[in-house]
């Protein structure tokens, strides 16, 4: 058997560790407390403005909340340029818990398997829709860590739920309540399809924008 070939999975996965990093914070006020209600032992990892929002939402129940930088041991770079691009994060997203080699990596690095990722991306389309936006302003709103987390979690839909649409929050809570804090392979697969469509549209929007710019427009930003 190849080291990364999967031969055994669980249909339903218990949600114990989730990572939340969103630009659009719509729906979190209801979604996050309900996740904690379904599983009081849940551990939530988060970054930057999302962490501050979740801390405010959870109040005296915020003990379940951990900053990604505290988990990884690497502080965020200035301006939040690098927050989640870390070995422990991607090991947690891509690992297979039935794989002895992967479990050994988790133990060696004191990492945990991440069961759900709740991510949406920097508002690139909204930015370029503004009157007079410059190529530099557009460039600054190209998300890197978000698409990476979405793709990693969606690739590993065999174990991880990749959630990119706030409209799915109610559905997730309903399923977790009905199935003992577990989410099905069918749901994870559906979320993966939506996740890859989301990143494909995002990348297409960026590519189309850059294609429509001239070199003189770009150079003019830095003179």
Protein backbone atom coordinates (compact mmCIF):
# COMPACT_ATOMS: atom_id res chain seq x y z
CA UNK A 1 0.00 0.00 0.00
CA UNK A 2 1.29 3.50 -0.85
CA UNK A 3 1.83 5.73 2.16
CA UNK A 4 -0.90 8.16 1.06
CA UNK A 5 -3.38 5.67 -0.41
CA UNK A 6 -6.62 5.58 1.60
CA UNK A 7 -8.26 2.22 2.10
CA UNK A 8 -10.46 2.87 5.12
CA UNK A 9 -12.63 5.85 6.10
CA UNK A 10 -15.59 6.63 8.33
CA UNK A 11 -18.89 7.67 6.79
CA UNK A 12 -19.61 10.00 9.71
CA UNK A 13 -16.88 12.12 11.26
CA UNK A 14 -17.11 13.68 14.71
CA UNK A 15 -16.38 17.42 14.72
CA UNK A 16 -13.79 18.08 17.41
CA UNK A 17 -11.37 20.60 15.87
CA UNK A 18 -12.39 23.36 13.48
CA UNK A 19 -10.56 26.27 11.87
CA UNK A 20 -12.48 29.49 11.20
CA UNK A 21 -11.03 32.34 9.13
CA UNK A 22 -13.56 34.39 7.20
CA UNK A 23 -13.83 37.72 5.45
CA UNK A 24 -17.64 37.52 5.38
CA UNK A 25 -18.62 37.04 9.03
CA UNK A 26 -22.35 36.76 8.29
CA UNK A 27 -24.04 34.03 10.30
CA UNK A 28 -21.25 33.44 12.81
CA UNK A 29 -23.29 34.88 15.69
CA UNK A 30 -25.67 31.92 15.47
CA UNK A 31 -23.41 29.25 13.99
CA UNK A 32 -20.49 29.30 16.43
CA UNK A 33 -22.52 29.16 19.70
CA UNK A 34 -24.54 26.29 18.26
CA UNK A 35 -21.36 24.38 17.40
CA UNK A 36 -20.22 24.81 21.00
CA UNK A 37 -23.65 23.76 22.25
CA UNK A 38 -23.54 20.55 20.19
CA UNK A 39 -20.02 19.76 21.42
CA UNK A 40 -18.90 21.69 24.54
CA UNK A 41 -15.43 20.12 24.15
CA UNK A 42 -14.93 21.52 20.64
CA UNK A 43 -11.68 23.36 19.93
CA UNK A 44 -11.82 26.30 17.54
CA UNK A 45 -8.73 27.76 15.88
CA UNK A 46 -8.95 31.22 14.38
CA UNK A 47 -6.99 34.24 13.14
CA UNK A 48 -6.93 38.03 13.25
CA UNK A 49 -10.28 39.76 12.95
CA UNK A 50 -12.15 36.47 12.95
CA UNK A 51 -10.60 35.51 16.28
CA UNK A 52 -11.68 38.85 17.78
CA UNK A 53 -15.21 38.38 16.43
CA UNK A 54 -15.48 34.84 17.82
CA UNK A 55 -14.12 35.91 21.20
CA UNK A 56 -16.84 38.54 21.38
CA UNK A 57 -19.53 36.07 20.27
CA UNK A 58 -18.51 33.36 22.75
CA UNK A 59 -17.97 35.59 25.79
CA UNK A 60 -17.44 33.42 28.87
CA UNK A 61 -17.36 30.29 26.67
CA UNK A 62 -14.30 31.47 24.72
CA UNK A 63 -12.01 28.95 26.46
CA UNK A 64 -12.56 26.69 23.44
CA UNK A 65 -11.00 29.36 21.19
CA UNK A 66 -7.29 29.32 20.26
CA UNK A 67 -5.40 31.74 18.06
CA UNK A 68 -3.67 29.96 15.19
CA UNK A 69 -0.43 31.70 16.13
CA UNK A 70 -0.61 30.23 19.65
CA UNK A 71 -1.24 26.76 18.20
CA UNK A 72 1.54 26.89 15.60
CA UNK A 73 4.03 28.86 17.69
CA UNK A 74 4.49 31.28 14.79
CA UNK A 75 3.16 34.84 15.18
CA UNK A 76 1.24 36.42 12.33
CA UNK A 77 3.41 38.58 10.09
CA UNK A 78 2.89 42.33 9.94
CA UNK A 79 -0.39 43.24 8.28
CA UNK A 80 -1.58 39.62 8.48
CA UNK A 81 0.38 38.69 5.35
CA UNK A 82 1.04 35.17 6.65
CA UNK A 83 -1.34 33.67 9.21
CA UNK A 84 -2.29 30.08 8.41
CA UNK A 85 0.42 28.86 6.02
CA UNK A 86 2.00 26.53 8.54
CA UNK A 87 3.02 22.85 8.60
CA UNK A 88 0.85 22.04 11.63
CA UNK A 89 -2.24 23.47 9.92
CA UNK A 90 -1.79 21.51 6.70
CA UNK A 91 -0.83 18.32 8.49
CA UNK A 92 -4.09 18.68 10.40
CA UNK A 93 -6.04 19.20 7.19
CA UNK A 94 -4.46 16.53 4.99
CA UNK A 95 -3.73 13.76 7.47
CA UNK A 96 -5.64 10.47 7.45
CA UNK A 97 -6.35 9.22 10.96
CA UNK A 98 -6.27 5.54 9.92
CA UNK A 99 -2.77 5.99 8.49
CA UNK A 100 -0.01 4.96 10.92
CA UNK A 101 2.53 7.26 9.24
CA UNK A 102 0.18 10.25 9.46
CA UNK A 103 -0.65 9.55 13.10
CA UNK A 104 3.07 9.42 13.86
CA UNK A 105 3.49 12.84 12.20
CA UNK A 106 0.67 14.25 14.30
CA UNK A 107 2.24 12.93 17.48
CA UNK A 108 5.74 14.09 16.51
CA UNK A 109 4.56 17.67 15.87
CA UNK A 110 1.92 17.78 18.63
CA UNK A 111 -0.67 18.55 15.96
CA UNK A 112 -4.35 17.66 15.83
CA UNK A 113 -6.51 16.52 12.90
CA UNK A 114 -8.77 19.37 11.82
CA UNK A 115 -12.28 18.13 11.06
CA UNK A 116 -13.90 21.26 9.60
CA UNK A 117 -12.65 24.41 7.89
CA UNK A 118 -14.91 27.46 7.72
CA UNK A 119 -13.27 29.87 5.28
CA UNK A 120 -14.28 32.51 2.80
CA UNK A 121 -11.93 34.77 0.90
CA UNK A 122 -10.71 38.35 0.71
CA UNK A 123 -13.29 40.38 -1.24
CA UNK A 124 -11.36 40.62 -4.50
CA UNK A 125 -14.43 40.98 -6.72
CA UNK A 126 -15.91 43.68 -4.48
CA UNK A 127 -12.58 45.50 -4.46
CA UNK A 128 -12.17 45.63 -8.24
CA UNK A 129 -15.79 46.75 -8.60
CA UNK A 130 -15.03 50.03 -6.82
CA UNK A 131 -14.61 53.17 -8.87
CA UNK A 132 -10.96 54.09 -9.40
CA UNK A 133 -9.43 51.02 -7.77
CA UNK A 134 -5.75 50.61 -8.61
CA UNK A 135 -3.93 47.40 -9.59
CA UNK A 136 -2.02 47.67 -6.30
CA UNK A 137 -5.24 47.80 -4.29
CA UNK A 138 -6.50 44.80 -6.25
CA UNK A 139 -3.24 42.90 -5.74
CA UNK A 140 -3.45 43.44 -2.00
CA UNK A 141 -6.83 41.71 -1.95
CA UNK A 142 -5.62 38.47 -3.52
CA UNK A 143 -6.11 35.83 -0.84
CA UNK A 144 -3.40 33.16 -0.53
CA UNK A 145 -3.93 31.31 2.76
CA UNK A 146 -7.70 31.04 2.32
CA UNK A 147 -7.65 29.20 -1.04
CA UNK A 148 -4.89 26.93 0.24
CA UNK A 149 -6.95 25.89 3.27
CA UNK A 150 -10.07 25.44 1.17
CA UNK A 151 -8.26 23.27 -1.36
CA UNK A 152 -6.51 21.17 1.27
CA UNK A 153 -9.69 20.50 3.23
CA UNK A 154 -11.74 19.88 0.10
CA UNK A 155 -9.12 17.45 -1.24
CA UNK A 156 -9.42 15.53 2.02
CA UNK A 157 -13.24 15.42 1.99
CA UNK A 158 -12.85 11.80 3.09
CA UNK A 159 -12.33 13.22 6.57
CA UNK A 160 -12.73 17.03 6.50
CA UNK A 161 -15.70 19.32 5.86
CA UNK A 162 -14.69 22.34 3.77
CA UNK A 163 -17.32 25.03 4.40
CA UNK A 164 -17.23 28.14 2.18
CA UNK A 165 -20.87 29.23 2.14
CA UNK A 166 -22.59 30.79 5.19
CA UNK A 167 -25.88 29.51 3.76
CA UNK A 168 -24.74 26.00 4.78
CA UNK A 169 -24.38 26.82 8.49
CA UNK A 170 -27.95 25.89 9.43
CA UNK A 171 -27.74 22.63 7.49
CA UNK A 172 -24.53 21.69 9.31
CA UNK A 173 -25.99 22.37 12.74
CA UNK A 174 -29.09 20.32 11.91
CA UNK A 175 -26.99 17.38 10.76
CA UNK A 176 -24.70 17.52 13.79
CA UNK A 177 -27.67 17.64 16.18
CA UNK A 178 -29.37 14.70 14.47
CA UNK A 179 -26.24 12.53 14.28
CA UNK A 180 -24.40 12.94 17.56
CA UNK A 181 -22.02 15.72 16.43
CA UNK A 182 -21.06 13.82 13.27
CA UNK A 183 -21.13 14.90 9.64
CA UNK A 184 -21.57 12.47 6.77
CA UNK A 185 -19.33 11.64 3.81
CA UNK A 186 -22.18 12.70 1.52
CA UNK A 187 -22.19 16.19 3.04
CA UNK A 188 -18.39 16.43 3.02
CA UNK A 189 -18.36 15.49 -0.66
CA UNK A 190 -21.00 18.09 -1.50
CA UNK A 191 -19.07 20.75 0.41
CA UNK A 192 -15.88 19.78 -1.47
CA UNK A 193 -17.56 20.30 -4.84
CA UNK A 194 -18.78 23.72 -3.73
CA UNK A 195 -15.34 24.57 -2.31
CA UNK A 196 -13.47 23.82 -5.53
CA UNK A 197 -16.05 25.76 -7.54
CA UNK A 198 -15.55 28.66 -5.12
CA UNK A 199 -11.76 28.77 -5.55
CA UNK A 200 -12.04 28.26 -9.32
CA UNK A 201 -14.34 31.26 -9.63
CA UNK A 202 -12.05 33.31 -7.39
CA UNK A 203 -8.96 32.49 -9.46
CA UNK A 204 -10.83 33.13 -12.71
CA UNK A 205 -11.85 36.57 -11.45
CA UNK A 206 -8.23 37.41 -10.60
CA UNK A 207 -6.95 36.11 -13.93
CA UNK A 208 -9.55 38.08 -15.88
CA UNK A 209 -8.75 41.26 -13.97
CA UNK A 210 -5.00 40.97 -14.55
CA UNK A 211 -5.55 40.11 -18.21
CA UNK A 212 -7.54 43.32 -18.59
CA UNK A 213 -4.74 45.52 -17.22
CA UNK A 214 -1.91 46.99 -19.26
CA UNK A 215 1.69 47.02 -18.11
CA UNK A 216 1.62 50.83 -18.03
CA UNK A 217 -1.33 50.73 -15.59
CA UNK A 218 0.60 48.43 -13.29
CA UNK A 219 3.88 50.31 -13.55
CA UNK A 220 2.08 53.58 -12.86
CA UNK A 221 1.16 52.40 -9.36
CA UNK A 222 4.79 52.42 -8.27
CA UNK A 223 6.16 55.61 -9.84
